[in-house]
Amino acid sequence: VVLAALGAFAVSMFRVQQTTAAFDELGTRGYQAAQAGIEWGAWQVLIGPGTCAAATGSLPLPGSLSPFTVTVACASTVHTEAGNTVTIYQLTATACNQPAGGACPNPAPGPDYVERQVQGAVER
């Protein structure tokens, strides 16, 4: 009886470790997807059209990031520094694996929901 209880405990601990490792990997992928959203937004400001572009919906992410949807929000403020006009773009990228209406975050996610948010600023 003691050996059976010990075996059941070992099996349940193994399942918990497997689930934890899977969620850890999903969290890392979610972070990388959100970081890709920040890089896309910075490219829009610095190299692309030079505007505060916002993308709600899915950015085309390759490979293991493809299950994630990234929503990028952008806000800009204009400042004068030493007589020069400077625009600061505040970027926020939210990545999730269960979007609601094609965008993140999801207010009513399922049990395997993963969400990561990254913020960045770009000066132009």
PDB file of N, CA and C in Angstrom:
ATOM      1  N   VAL A   1       0.833  -1.193   0.000  1.00  0.00           N
ATOM      2  CA  VAL A   1       0.000   0.000   0.000  1.00  0.00           C
ATOM      3  C   VAL A   1       0.876   1.256   0.000  1.00  0.00           C
ATOM      4  N   VAL A   2       1.932   1.219   0.808  1.00  0.00           N
ATOM      5  CA  VAL A   2       2.827   2.371   0.885  1.00  0.00           C
ATOM      6  C   VAL A   2       3.533   2.576  -0.459  1.00  0.00           C
ATOM      7  N   LEU A   3       3.960   1.485  -1.082  1.00  0.00           N
ATOM      8  CA  LEU A   3       4.622   1.599  -2.386  1.00  0.00           C
ATOM      9  C   LEU A   3       3.655   2.129  -3.453  1.00  0.00           C
ATOM     10  N   ALA A   4       2.414   1.691  -3.405  1.00  0.00           N
ATOM     11  CA  ALA A   4       1.424   2.190  -4.366  1.00  0.00           C
ATOM     12  C   ALA A   4       1.192   3.685  -4.164  1.00  0.00           C
ATOM     13  N   ALA A   5       1.108   4.141  -2.927  1.00  0.00           N
ATOM     14  CA  ALA A   5       0.920   5.562  -2.642  1.00  0.00           C
ATOM     15  C   ALA A   5       2.137   6.360  -3.105  1.00  0.00           C
ATOM     16  N   LEU A   6       3.322   5.819  -2.865  1.00  0.00           N
ATOM     17  CA  LEU A   6       4.545   6.477  -3.314  1.00  0.00           C
ATOM     18  C   LEU A   6       4.584   6.565  -4.845  1.00  0.00           C
ATOM     19  N   GLY A   7       4.178   5.520  -5.518  1.00  0.00           N
ATOM     20  CA  GLY A   7       4.133   5.521  -6.989  1.00  0.00           C
ATOM     21  C   GLY A   7       3.133   6.540  -7.515  1.00  0.00           C
ATOM     22  N   ALA A   8       1.964   6.622  -6.903  1.00  0.00           N
ATOM     23  CA  ALA A   8       0.950   7.593  -7.326  1.00  0.00           C
ATOM     24  C   ALA A   8       1.452   9.021  -7.111  1.00  0.00           C
ATOM     25  N   PHE A   9       2.140   9.243  -6.000  1.00  0.00           N
ATOM     26  CA  PHE A   9       2.710  10.560  -5.728  1.00  0.00           C
ATOM     27  C   PHE A   9       3.759  10.932  -6.780  1.00  0.00           C
ATOM     28  N   ALA A  10       4.612   9.978  -7.132  1.00  0.00           N
ATOM     29  CA  ALA A  10       5.654  10.232  -8.134  1.00  0.00           C
ATOM     30  C   ALA A  10       5.036  10.567  -9.488  1.00  0.00           C
ATOM     31  N   VAL A  11       3.984   9.838  -9.868  1.00  0.00           N
ATOM     32  CA  VAL A  11       3.324  10.102 -11.150  1.00  0.00           C
ATOM     33  C   VAL A  11       2.681  11.491 -11.148  1.00  0.00           C
ATOM     34  N   SER A  12       2.030  11.866 -10.039  1.00  0.00           N
ATOM     35  CA  SER A  12       1.390  13.182  -9.985  1.00  0.00           C
ATOM     36  C   SER A  12       2.433  14.299 -10.002  1.00  0.00           C
ATOM     37  N   MET A  13       3.556  14.110  -9.358  1.00  0.00           N
ATOM     38  CA  MET A  13       4.623  15.113  -9.390  1.00  0.00           C
ATOM     39  C   MET A  13       5.201  15.249 -10.793  1.00  0.00           C
ATOM     40  N   PHE A  14       5.317  14.146 -11.508  1.00  0.00           N
ATOM     41  CA  PHE A  14       5.812  14.178 -12.875  1.00  0.00           C
ATOM     42  C   PHE A  14       4.866  14.988 -13.761  1.00  0.00           C
ATOM     43  N   ARG A  15       3.568  14.789 -13.596  1.00  0.00           N
ATOM     44  CA  ARG A  15       2.582  15.545 -14.380  1.00  0.00           C
ATOM     45  C   ARG A  15       2.652  17.034 -14.076  1.00  0.00           C
ATOM     46  N   VAL A  16       2.817  17.388 -12.817  1.00  0.00           N
ATOM     47  CA  VAL A  16       2.923  18.796 -12.432  1.00  0.00           C
ATOM     48  C   VAL A  16       4.168  19.417 -13.060  1.00  0.00           C
ATOM     49  N   GLN A  17       5.275  18.693 -13.042  1.00  0.00           N
ATOM     50  CA  GLN A  17       6.510  19.211 -13.636  1.00  0.00           C
ATOM     51  C   GLN A  17       6.366  19.383 -15.146  1.00  0.00           C
ATOM     52  N   GLN A  18       5.696  18.451 -15.806  1.00  0.00           N
ATOM     53  CA  GLN A  18       5.488  18.557 -17.252  1.00  0.00           C
ATOM     54  C   GLN A  18       4.612  19.771 -17.590  1.00  0.00           C
ATOM     55  N   THR A  19       3.556  19.971 -16.826  1.00  0.00           N
ATOM     56  CA  THR A  19       2.662  21.110 -17.046  1.00  0.00           C
ATOM     57  C   THR A  19       3.389  22.424 -16.803  1.00  0.00           C
ATOM     58  N   THR A  20       4.176  22.478 -15.740  1.00  0.00           N
ATOM     59  CA  THR A  20       4.939  23.685 -15.429  1.00  0.00           C
ATOM     60  C   THR A  20       5.928  24.003 -16.538  1.00  0.00           C
ATOM     61  N   ALA A  21       6.609  22.996 -17.044  1.00  0.00           N
ATOM     62  CA  ALA A  21       7.576  23.208 -18.123  1.00  0.00           C
ATOM     63  C   ALA A  21       6.876  23.691 -19.396  1.00  0.00           C
ATOM     64  N   ALA A  22       5.706  23.144 -19.688  1.00  0.00           N
ATOM     65  CA  ALA A  22       4.966  23.558 -20.880  1.00  0.00           C
ATOM     66  C   ALA A  22       4.522  25.017 -20.770  1.00  0.00           C
ATOM     67  N   PHE A  23       4.031  25.430 -19.599  1.00  0.00           N
ATOM     68  CA  PHE A  23       3.624  26.814 -19.410  1.00  0.00           C
ATOM     69  C   PHE A  23       4.821  27.761 -19.429  1.00  0.00           C
ATOM     70  N   ASP A  24       5.954  27.298 -18.915  1.00  0.00           N
ATOM     71  CA  ASP A  24       7.167  28.114 -18.960  1.00  0.00           C
ATOM     72  C   ASP A  24       7.584  28.361 -20.404  1.00  0.00           C
ATOM     73  N   GLU A  25       7.516  27.345 -21.225  1.00  0.00           N
ATOM     74  CA  GLU A  25       7.859  27.498 -22.643  1.00  0.00           C
ATOM     75  C   GLU A  25       6.863  28.424 -23.353  1.00  0.00           C
ATOM     76  N   LEU A  26       5.576  28.275 -23.075  1.00  0.00           N
ATOM     77  CA  LEU A  26       4.577  29.171 -23.665  1.00  0.00           C
ATOM     78  C   LEU A  26       4.802  30.620 -23.236  1.00  0.00           C
ATOM     79  N   GLY A  27       5.167  30.820 -21.989  1.00  0.00           N
ATOM     80  CA  GLY A  27       5.439  32.167 -21.503  1.00  0.00           C
ATOM     81  C   GLY A  27       6.626  32.794 -22.214  1.00  0.00           C
ATOM     82  N   THR A  28       7.660  32.008 -22.454  1.00  0.00           N
ATOM     83  CA  THR A  28       8.827  32.502 -23.176  1.00  0.00           C
ATOM     84  C   THR A  28       8.469  32.858 -24.614  1.00  0.00           C
ATOM     85  N   ARG A  29       7.681  32.018 -25.259  1.00  0.00           N
ATOM     86  CA  ARG A  29       7.238  32.316 -26.624  1.00  0.00           C
ATOM     87  C   ARG A  29       6.361  33.561 -26.662  1.00  0.00           C
ATOM     88  N   GLY A  30       5.498  33.714 -25.662  1.00  0.00           N
ATOM     89  CA  GLY A  30       4.653  34.905 -25.588  1.00  0.00           C
ATOM     90  C   GLY A  30       5.483  36.172 -25.431  1.00  0.00           C
ATOM     91  N   TYR A  31       6.527  36.103 -24.603  1.00  0.00           N
ATOM     92  CA  TYR A  31       7.408  37.257 -24.436  1.00  0.00           C
ATOM     93  C   TYR A  31       8.105  37.598 -25.750  1.00  0.00           C
ATOM     94  N   GLN A  32       8.594  36.582 -26.458  1.00  0.00           N
ATOM     95  CA  GLN A  32       9.273  36.828 -27.732  1.00  0.00           C
ATOM     96  C   GLN A  32       8.300  37.409 -28.765  1.00  0.00           C
ATOM     97  N   ALA A  33       7.052  36.957 -28.754  1.00  0.00           N
ATOM     98  CA  ALA A  33       6.046  37.501 -29.672  1.00  0.00           C
ATOM     99  C   ALA A  33       5.781  38.971 -29.356  1.00  0.00           C
ATOM    100  N   ALA A  34       5.670  39.317 -28.062  1.00  0.00           N
ATOM    101  CA  ALA A  34       5.453  40.714 -27.680  1.00  0.00           C
ATOM    102  C   ALA A  34       6.666  41.566 -28.052  1.00  0.00           C
ATOM    103  N   GLN A  35       7.849  41.030 -27.887  1.00  0.00           N
ATOM    104  CA  GLN A  35       9.060  41.758 -28.268  1.00  0.00           C
ATOM    105  C   GLN A  35       9.082  42.003 -29.778  1.00  0.00           C
ATOM    106  N   ALA A  36       8.621  41.025 -30.553  1.00  0.00           N
ATOM    107  CA  ALA A  36       8.528  41.206 -32.005  1.00  0.00           C
ATOM    108  C   ALA A  36       7.552  42.330 -32.338  1.00  0.00           C
ATOM    109  N   GLY A  37       6.479  42.460 -31.575  1.00  0.00           N
ATOM    110  CA  GLY A  37       5.529  43.552 -31.780  1.00  0.00           C
ATOM    111  C   GLY A  37       6.159  44.911 -31.515  1.00  0.00           C
ATOM    112  N   ILE A  38       6.996  45.004 -30.476  1.00  0.00           N
ATOM    113  CA  ILE A  38       7.704  46.257 -30.185  1.00  0.00           C
ATOM    114  C   ILE A  38       8.655  46.593 -31.329  1.00  0.00           C
ATOM    115  N   GLU A  39       9.368  45.603 -31.821  1.00  0.00           N
ATOM    116  CA  GLU A  39      10.298  45.836 -32.923  1.00  0.00           C
ATOM    117  C   GLU A  39       9.562  46.265 -34.184  1.00  0.00           C
ATOM    118  N   TRP A  40       8.396  45.684 -34.437  1.00  0.00           N
ATOM    119  CA  TRP A  40       7.591  46.089 -35.593  1.00  0.00           C
ATOM    120  C   TRP A  40       7.148  47.549 -35.446  1.00  0.00           C
ATOM    121  N   GLY A  41       6.679  47.912 -34.257  1.00  0.00           N
ATOM    122  CA  GLY A  41       6.248  49.286 -34.020  1.00  0.00           C
ATOM    123  C   GLY A  41       7.397  50.279 -34.153  1.00  0.00           C
ATOM    124  N   ALA A  42       8.566  49.919 -33.634  1.00  0.00           N
ATOM    125  CA  ALA A  42       9.728  50.798 -33.756  1.00  0.00           C
ATOM    126  C   ALA A  42      10.135  50.951 -35.215  1.00  0.00           C
ATOM    127  N   TRP A  43      10.041  49.888 -35.984  1.00  0.00           N
ATOM    128  CA  TRP A  43      10.361  49.966 -37.415  1.00  0.00           C
ATOM    129  C   TRP A  43       9.398  50.909 -38.121  1.00  0.00           C
ATOM    130  N   GLN A  44       8.110  50.840 -37.765  1.00  0.00           N
ATOM    131  CA  GLN A  44       7.120  51.726 -38.369  1.00  0.00           C
ATOM    132  C   GLN A  44       7.476  53.190 -38.118  1.00  0.00           C
ATOM    133  N   VAL A  45       7.961  53.491 -36.927  1.00  0.00           N
ATOM    134  CA  VAL A  45       8.290  54.863 -36.568  1.00  0.00           C
ATOM    135  C   VAL A  45       9.611  55.304 -37.198  1.00  0.00           C
ATOM    136  N   LEU A  46      10.642  54.474 -37.100  1.00  0.00           N
ATOM    137  CA  LEU A  46      11.985  54.897 -37.490  1.00  0.00           C
ATOM    138  C   LEU A  46      12.299  54.714 -38.971  1.00  0.00           C
ATOM    139  N   ILE A  47      11.844  53.637 -39.566  1.00  0.00           N
ATOM    140  CA  ILE A  47      12.225  53.324 -40.941  1.00  0.00           C
ATOM    141  C   ILE A  47      11.033  53.349 -41.886  1.00  0.00           C
ATOM    142  N   GLY A  48       9.889  52.935 -41.393  1.00  0.00           N
ATOM    143  CA  GLY A  48       8.696  52.862 -42.232  1.00  0.00           C
ATOM    144  C   GLY A  48       8.102  54.238 -42.495  1.00  0.00           C
ATOM    145  N   PRO A  49       6.783  54.338 -42.407  1.00  0.00           N
ATOM    146  CA  PRO A  49       6.115  55.601 -42.734  1.00  0.00           C
ATOM    147  C   PRO A  49       6.399  56.734 -41.754  1.00  0.00           C
ATOM    148  N   GLY A  50       7.020  56.442 -40.622  1.00  0.00           N
ATOM    149  CA  GLY A  50       7.344  57.497 -39.662  1.00  0.00           C
ATOM    150  C   GLY A  50       6.165  57.980 -38.856  1.00  0.00           C
ATOM    151  N   THR A  51       5.153  57.148 -38.755  1.00  0.00           N
ATOM    152  CA  THR A  51       3.971  57.517 -37.990  1.00  0.00           C
ATOM    153  C   THR A  51       3.783  56.561 -36.830  1.00  0.00           C
ATOM    154  N   CYS A  52       2.882  56.918 -35.980  1.00  0.00           N
ATOM    155  CA  CYS A  52       2.564  56.082 -34.822  1.00  0.00           C
ATOM    156  C   CYS A  52       1.529  55.045 -35.248  1.00  0.00           C
ATOM    157  N   ALA A  53       2.007  54.007 -35.899  1.00  0.00           N
ATOM    158  CA  ALA A  53       1.112  52.974 -36.417  1.00  0.00           C
ATOM    159  C   ALA A  53       0.689  52.037 -35.294  1.00  0.00           C
ATOM    160  N   ALA A  54      -0.550  51.676 -35.295  1.00  0.00           N
ATOM    161  CA  ALA A  54      -1.060  50.705 -34.328  1.00  0.00           C
ATOM    162  C   ALA A  54      -1.637  49.540 -35.103  1.00  0.00           C
ATOM    163  N   ALA A  55      -1.355  48.358 -34.639  1.00  0.00           N
ATOM    164  CA  ALA A  55      -1.874  47.161 -35.288  1.00  0.00           C
ATOM    165  C   ALA A  55      -2.708  46.394 -34.281  1.00  0.00           C
ATOM    166  N   THR A  56      -3.961  46.244 -34.550  1.00  0.00           N
ATOM    167  CA  THR A  56      -4.786  45.379 -33.723  1.00  0.00           C
ATOM    168  C   THR A  56      -5.033  44.133 -34.544  1.00  0.00           C
ATOM    169  N   GLY A  57      -4.642  43.038 -34.003  1.00  0.00           N
ATOM    170  CA  GLY A  57      -4.779  41.786 -34.729  1.00  0.00           C
ATOM    171  C   GLY A  57      -3.452  41.082 -34.810  1.00  0.00           C
ATOM    172  N   SER A  58      -3.370  40.208 -35.738  1.00  0.00           N
ATOM    173  CA  SER A  58      -2.232  39.315 -35.801  1.00  0.00           C
ATOM    174  C   SER A  58      -1.137  39.844 -36.711  1.00  0.00           C
ATOM    175  N   LEU A  59       0.045  39.987 -36.163  1.00  0.00           N
ATOM    176  CA  LEU A  59       1.223  40.219 -36.978  1.00  0.00           C
ATOM    177  C   LEU A  59       1.670  38.846 -37.466  1.00  0.00           C
ATOM    178  N   PRO A  60       2.162  38.740 -38.688  1.00  0.00           N
ATOM    179  CA  PRO A  60       2.577  37.427 -39.193  1.00  0.00           C
ATOM    180  C   PRO A  60       3.861  36.952 -38.512  1.00  0.00           C
ATOM    181  N   LEU A  61       3.707  36.130 -37.505  1.00  0.00           N
ATOM    182  CA  LEU A  61       4.851  35.614 -36.765  1.00  0.00           C
ATOM    183  C   LEU A  61       5.217  34.220 -37.277  1.00  0.00           C
ATOM    184  N   PRO A  62       6.500  33.943 -37.434  1.00  0.00           N
ATOM    185  CA  PRO A  62       6.924  32.668 -38.000  1.00  0.00           C
ATOM    186  C   PRO A  62       7.106  31.572 -36.947  1.00  0.00           C
ATOM    187  N   GLY A  63       7.178  30.374 -37.430  1.00  0.00           N
ATOM    188  CA  GLY A  63       7.580  29.216 -36.624  1.00  0.00           C
ATOM    189  C   GLY A  63       6.802  29.003 -35.350  1.00  0.00           C
ATOM    190  N   SER A  64       7.535  28.856 -34.248  1.00  0.00           N
ATOM    191  CA  SER A  64       6.909  28.526 -32.971  1.00  0.00           C
ATOM    192  C   SER A  64       6.143  29.702 -32.366  1.00  0.00           C
ATOM    193  N   LEU A  65       6.271  30.903 -32.943  1.00  0.00           N
ATOM    194  CA  LEU A  65       5.504  32.057 -32.456  1.00  0.00           C
ATOM    195  C   LEU A  65       4.166  32.211 -33.168  1.00  0.00           C
ATOM    196  N   SER A  66       3.935  31.405 -34.200  1.00  0.00           N
ATOM    197  CA  SER A  66       2.722  31.551 -35.011  1.00  0.00           C
ATOM    198  C   SER A  66       1.410  31.369 -34.233  1.00  0.00           C
ATOM    199  N   PRO A  67       1.359  30.621 -33.124  1.00  0.00           N
ATOM    200  CA  PRO A  67       0.083  30.540 -32.388  1.00  0.00           C
ATOM    201  C   PRO A  67      -0.281  31.824 -31.642  1.00  0.00           C
ATOM    202  N   PHE A  68       0.620  32.790 -31.589  1.00  0.00           N
ATOM    203  CA  PHE A  68       0.368  34.006 -30.811  1.00  0.00           C
ATOM    204  C   PHE A  68      -0.135  35.133 -31.688  1.00  0.00           C
ATOM    205  N   THR A  69      -1.011  35.932 -31.113  1.00  0.00           N
ATOM    206  CA  THR A  69      -1.504  37.160 -31.719  1.00  0.00           C
ATOM    207  C   THR A  69      -0.875  38.315 -30.960  1.00  0.00           C
ATOM    208  N   VAL A  70      -0.441  39.328 -31.692  1.00  0.00           N
ATOM    209  CA  VAL A  70       0.192  40.489 -31.061  1.00  0.00           C
ATOM    210  C   VAL A  70      -0.608  41.737 -31.398  1.00  0.00           C
ATOM    211  N   THR A  71      -0.980  42.480 -30.380  1.00  0.00           N
ATOM    212  CA  THR A  71      -1.648  43.759 -30.546  1.00  0.00           C
ATOM    213  C   THR A  71      -0.668  44.849 -30.123  1.00  0.00           C
ATOM    214  N   VAL A  72      -0.424  45.789 -31.022  1.00  0.00           N
ATOM    215  CA  VAL A  72       0.525  46.868 -30.755  1.00  0.00           C
ATOM    216  C   VAL A  72      -0.259  48.173 -30.643  1.00  0.00           C
ATOM    217  N   ALA A  73      -0.024  48.898 -29.556  1.00  0.00           N
ATOM    218  CA  ALA A  73      -0.627  50.215 -29.364  1.00  0.00           C
ATOM    219  C   ALA A  73       0.486  51.246 -29.331  1.00  0.00           C
ATOM    220  N   CYS A  74       0.210  52.421 -29.866  1.00  0.00           N
ATOM    221  CA  CYS A  74       1.222  53.473 -29.952  1.00  0.00           C
ATOM    222  C   CYS A  74       0.598  54.809 -29.577  1.00  0.00           C
ATOM    223  N   ALA A  75       1.324  55.576 -28.782  1.00  0.00           N
ATOM    224  CA  ALA A  75       0.914  56.934 -28.431  1.00  0.00           C
ATOM    225  C   ALA A  75       2.131  57.837 -28.590  1.00  0.00           C
ATOM    226  N   SER A  76       1.922  59.026 -29.111  1.00  0.00           N
ATOM    227  CA  SER A  76       3.054  59.923 -29.315  1.00  0.00           C
ATOM    228  C   SER A  76       2.835  61.237 -28.580  1.00  0.00           C
ATOM    229  N   THR A  77       3.934  61.816 -28.121  1.00  0.00           N
ATOM    230  CA  THR A  77       3.916  63.137 -27.495  1.00  0.00           C
ATOM    231  C   THR A  77       5.053  63.956 -28.097  1.00  0.00           C
ATOM    232  N   VAL A  78       4.817  65.241 -28.263  1.00  0.00           N
ATOM    233  CA  VAL A  78       5.808  66.139 -28.850  1.00  0.00           C
ATOM    234  C   VAL A  78       6.389  67.019 -27.748  1.00  0.00           C
ATOM    235  N   HIS A  79       7.711  67.130 -27.740  1.00  0.00           N
ATOM    236  CA  HIS A  79       8.424  67.920 -26.742  1.00  0.00           C
ATOM    237  C   HIS A  79       9.413  68.844 -27.445  1.00  0.00           C
ATOM    238  N   THR A  80       9.792  69.903 -26.771  1.00  0.00           N
ATOM    239  CA  THR A  80      10.836  70.787 -27.275  1.00  0.00           C
ATOM    240  C   THR A  80      12.025  70.688 -26.326  1.00  0.00           C
ATOM    241  N   GLU A  81      13.161  70.298 -26.890  1.00  0.00           N
ATOM    242  CA  GLU A  81      14.389  70.164 -26.115  1.00  0.00           C
ATOM    243  C   GLU A  81      15.462  71.024 -26.771  1.00  0.00           C
ATOM    244  N   ALA A  82      15.933  72.018 -26.054  1.00  0.00           N
ATOM    245  CA  ALA A  82      16.989  72.920 -26.542  1.00  0.00           C
ATOM    246  C   ALA A  82      16.631  73.507 -27.899  1.00  0.00           C
ATOM    247  N   GLY A  83      15.366  73.872 -28.077  1.00  0.00           N
ATOM    248  CA  GLY A  83      14.919  74.477 -29.319  1.00  0.00           C
ATOM    249  C   GLY A  83      14.605  73.497 -30.430  1.00  0.00           C
ATOM    250  N   ASN A  84      14.783  72.206 -30.188  1.00  0.00           N
ATOM    251  CA  ASN A  84      14.486  71.172 -31.193  1.00  0.00           C
ATOM    252  C   ASN A  84      13.192  70.456 -30.838  1.00  0.00           C
ATOM    253  N   THR A  85      12.390  70.189 -31.832  1.00  0.00           N
ATOM    254  CA  THR A  85      11.156  69.431 -31.620  1.00  0.00           C
ATOM    255  C   THR A  85      11.479  67.943 -31.664  1.00  0.00           C
ATOM    256  N   VAL A  86      11.075  67.243 -30.611  1.00  0.00           N
ATOM    257  CA  VAL A  86      11.326  65.807 -30.491  1.00  0.00           C
ATOM    258  C   VAL A  86       9.988  65.118 -30.245  1.00  0.00           C
ATOM    259  N   THR A  87       9.756  64.030 -30.953  1.00  0.00           N
ATOM    260  CA  THR A  87       8.548  63.240 -30.748  1.00  0.00           C
ATOM    261  C   THR A  87       8.927  61.934 -30.070  1.00  0.00           C
ATOM    262  N   ILE A  88       8.253  61.631 -28.979  1.00  0.00           N
ATOM    263  CA  ILE A  88       8.460  60.377 -28.250  1.00  0.00           C
ATOM    264  C   ILE A  88       7.273  59.470 -28.554  1.00  0.00           C
ATOM    265  N   TYR A  89       7.560  58.273 -29.009  1.00  0.00           N
ATOM    266  CA  TYR A  89       6.526  57.280 -29.314  1.00  0.00           C
ATOM    267  C   TYR A  89       6.571  56.210 -28.232  1.00  0.00           C
ATOM    268  N   GLN A  90       5.471  56.037 -27.522  1.00  0.00           N
ATOM    269  CA  GLN A  90       5.359  55.013 -26.487  1.00  0.00           C
ATOM    270  C   GLN A  90       4.645  53.802 -27.099  1.00  0.00           C
ATOM    271  N   LEU A  91       5.352  52.679 -27.188  1.00  0.00           N
ATOM    272  CA  LEU A  91       4.808  51.463 -27.791  1.00  0.00           C
ATOM    273  C   LEU A  91       4.474  50.443 -26.712  1.00  0.00           C
ATOM    274  N   THR A  92       3.332  49.799 -26.863  1.00  0.00           N
ATOM    275  CA  THR A  92       2.928  48.715 -25.970  1.00  0.00           C
ATOM    276  C   THR A  92       2.483  47.546 -26.837  1.00  0.00           C
ATOM    277  N   ALA A  93       3.149  46.404 -26.671  1.00  0.00           N
ATOM    278  CA  ALA A  93       2.795  45.199 -27.424  1.00  0.00           C
ATOM    279  C   ALA A  93       2.280  44.152 -26.451  1.00  0.00           C
ATOM    280  N   THR A  94       1.101  43.629 -26.744  1.00  0.00           N
ATOM    281  CA  THR A  94       0.503  42.577 -25.926  1.00  0.00           C
ATOM    282  C   THR A  94       0.343  41.344 -26.800  1.00  0.00           C
ATOM    283  N   ALA A  95       0.931  40.241 -26.366  1.00  0.00           N
ATOM    284  CA  ALA A  95       0.852  38.982 -27.103  1.00  0.00           C
ATOM    285  C   ALA A  95       0.063  37.974 -26.279  1.00  0.00           C
ATOM    286  N   CYS A  96      -0.790  37.212 -26.945  1.00  0.00           N
ATOM    287  CA  CYS A  96      -1.534  36.158 -26.259  1.00  0.00           C
ATOM    288  C   CYS A  96      -1.811  35.014 -27.230  1.00  0.00           C
ATOM    289  N   ASN A  97      -2.093  33.860 -26.672  1.00  0.00           N
ATOM    290  CA  ASN A  97      -2.357  32.689 -27.511  1.00  0.00           C
ATOM    291  C   ASN A  97      -3.847  32.399 -27.675  1.00  0.00           C
ATOM    292  N   GLN A  98      -4.709  33.181 -27.058  1.00  0.00           N
ATOM    293  CA  GLN A  98      -6.161  33.041 -27.215  1.00  0.00           C
ATOM    294  C   GLN A  98      -6.774  34.433 -27.343  1.00  0.00           C
ATOM    295  N   PRO A  99      -6.648  35.061 -28.512  1.00  0.00           N
ATOM    296  CA  PRO A  99      -7.163  36.429 -28.657  1.00  0.00           C
ATOM    297  C   PRO A  99      -8.684  36.474 -28.615  1.00  0.00           C
ATOM    298  N   ALA A 100      -9.201  37.629 -28.246  1.00  0.00           N
ATOM    299  CA  ALA A 100     -10.644  37.863 -28.248  1.00  0.00           C
ATOM    300  C   ALA A 100     -10.942  38.843 -29.377  1.00  0.00           C
ATOM    301  N   GLY A 101     -11.697  38.431 -30.362  1.00  0.00           N
ATOM    302  CA  GLY A 101     -12.005  39.290 -31.492  1.00  0.00           C
ATOM    303  C   GLY A 101     -10.782  39.653 -32.309  1.00  0.00           C
ATOM    304  N   GLY A 102      -9.793  38.777 -32.336  1.00  0.00           N
ATOM    305  CA  GLY A 102      -8.587  39.015 -33.102  1.00  0.00           C
ATOM    306  C   GLY A 102      -7.573  39.917 -32.432  1.00  0.00           C
ATOM    307  N   ALA A 103      -7.770  40.248 -31.160  1.00  0.00           N
ATOM    308  CA  ALA A 103      -6.835  41.139 -30.471  1.00  0.00           C
ATOM    309  C   ALA A 103      -6.589  40.650 -29.039  1.00  0.00           C
ATOM    310  N   CYS A 104      -5.504  41.110 -28.477  1.00  0.00           N
ATOM    311  CA  CYS A 104      -5.144  40.802 -27.092  1.00  0.00           C
ATOM    312  C   CYS A 104      -5.275  42.078 -26.272  1.00  0.00           C
ATOM    313  N   PRO A 105      -5.560  41.990 -24.991  1.00  0.00           N
ATOM    314  CA  PRO A 105      -5.761  40.801 -24.171  1.00  0.00           C
ATOM    315  C   PRO A 105      -7.172  40.247 -24.278  1.00  0.00           C
ATOM    316  N   ASN A 106      -7.339  39.044 -23.803  1.00  0.00           N
ATOM    317  CA  ASN A 106      -8.629  38.365 -23.800  1.00  0.00           C
ATOM    318  C   ASN A 106      -9.238  38.504 -22.410  1.00  0.00           C
ATOM    319  N   PRO A 107     -10.405  39.144 -22.272  1.00  0.00           N
ATOM    320  CA  PRO A 107     -11.008  39.317 -20.950  1.00  0.00           C
ATOM    321  C   PRO A 107     -11.583  38.031 -20.348  1.00  0.00           C
ATOM    322  N   ALA A 108     -11.836  37.026 -21.178  1.00  0.00           N
ATOM    323  CA  ALA A 108     -12.384  35.757 -20.677  1.00  0.00           C
ATOM    324  C   ALA A 108     -11.602  34.588 -21.274  1.00  0.00           C
ATOM    325  N   PRO A 109     -10.345  34.416 -20.856  1.00  0.00           N
ATOM    326  CA  PRO A 109      -9.503  33.384 -21.468  1.00  0.00           C
ATOM    327  C   PRO A 109      -9.825  31.982 -20.975  1.00  0.00           C
ATOM    328  N   GLY A 110      -9.315  31.006 -21.738  1.00  0.00           N
ATOM    329  CA  GLY A 110      -9.440  29.607 -21.364  1.00  0.00           C
ATOM    330  C   GLY A 110      -8.337  29.198 -20.397  1.00  0.00           C
ATOM    331  N   PRO A 111      -8.303  27.926 -20.026  1.00  0.00           N
ATOM    332  CA  PRO A 111      -7.351  27.472 -19.000  1.00  0.00           C
ATOM    333  C   PRO A 111      -5.887  27.499 -19.442  1.00  0.00           C
ATOM    334  N   ASP A 112      -5.590  27.430 -20.724  1.00  0.00           N
ATOM    335  CA  ASP A 112      -4.204  27.420 -21.193  1.00  0.00           C
ATOM    336  C   ASP A 112      -3.770  28.779 -21.727  1.00  0.00           C
ATOM    337  N   TYR A 113      -4.387  29.845 -21.245  1.00  0.00           N
ATOM    338  CA  TYR A 113      -4.130  31.196 -21.739  1.00  0.00           C
ATOM    339  C   TYR A 113      -2.773  31.700 -21.260  1.00  0.00           C
ATOM    340  N   VAL A 114      -2.024  32.289 -22.198  1.00  0.00           N
ATOM    341  CA  VAL A 114      -0.742  32.917 -21.880  1.00  0.00           C
ATOM    342  C   VAL A 114      -0.752  34.315 -22.486  1.00  0.00           C
ATOM    343  N   GLU A 115      -0.342  35.298 -21.690  1.00  0.00           N
ATOM    344  CA  GLU A 115      -0.282  36.683 -22.163  1.00  0.00           C
ATOM    345  C   GLU A 115       0.991  37.330 -21.636  1.00  0.00           C
ATOM    346  N   ARG A 116       1.657  38.069 -22.512  1.00  0.00           N
ATOM    347  CA  ARG A 116       2.832  38.843 -22.122  1.00  0.00           C
ATOM    348  C   ARG A 116       2.710  40.235 -22.735  1.00  0.00           C
ATOM    349  N   GLN A 117       3.167  41.238 -21.980  1.00  0.00           N
ATOM    350  CA  GLN A 117       3.113  42.610 -22.466  1.00  0.00           C
ATOM    351  C   GLN A 117       4.496  43.233 -22.307  1.00  0.00           C
ATOM    352  N   VAL A 118       4.929  43.939 -23.366  1.00  0.00           N
ATOM    353  CA  VAL A 118       6.221  44.615 -23.371  1.00  0.00           C
ATOM    354  C   VAL A 118       5.978  46.061 -23.786  1.00  0.00           C
ATOM    355  N   GLN A 119       6.675  46.983 -23.129  1.00  0.00           N
ATOM    356  CA  GLN A 119       6.575  48.394 -23.472  1.00  0.00           C
ATOM    357  C   GLN A 119       7.945  48.923 -23.872  1.00  0.00           C
ATOM    358  N   GLY A 120       7.930  49.901 -24.769  1.00  0.00           N
ATOM    359  CA  GLY A 120       9.168  50.519 -25.210  1.00  0.00           C
ATOM    360  C   GLY A 120       8.895  51.934 -25.683  1.00  0.00           C
ATOM    361  N   ALA A 121       9.943  52.729 -25.772  1.00  0.00           N
ATOM    362  CA  ALA A 121       9.814  54.105 -26.244  1.00  0.00           C
ATOM    363  C   ALA A 121      10.834  54.341 -27.331  1.00  0.00           C
ATOM    364  N   VAL A 122      10.429  55.116 -28.337  1.00  0.00           N
ATOM    365  CA  VAL A 122      11.284  55.464 -29.452  1.00  0.00           C
ATOM    366  C   VAL A 122      11.236  56.971 -29.615  1.00  0.00           C
ATOM    367  N   GLU A 123      12.388  57.570 -29.829  1.00  0.00           N
ATOM    368  CA  GLU A 123      12.470  59.018 -30.017  1.00  0.00           C
ATOM    369  C   GLU A 123      12.797  59.303 -31.477  1.00  0.00           C
ATOM    370  N   ARG A 124      12.085  60.265 -32.002  1.00  0.00           N
ATOM    371  CA  ARG A 124      12.366  60.668 -33.389  1.00  0.00           C
ATOM    372  C   ARG A 124      12.334  62.163 -33.509  1.00  0.00           C
TER     373      ARG A 124
END
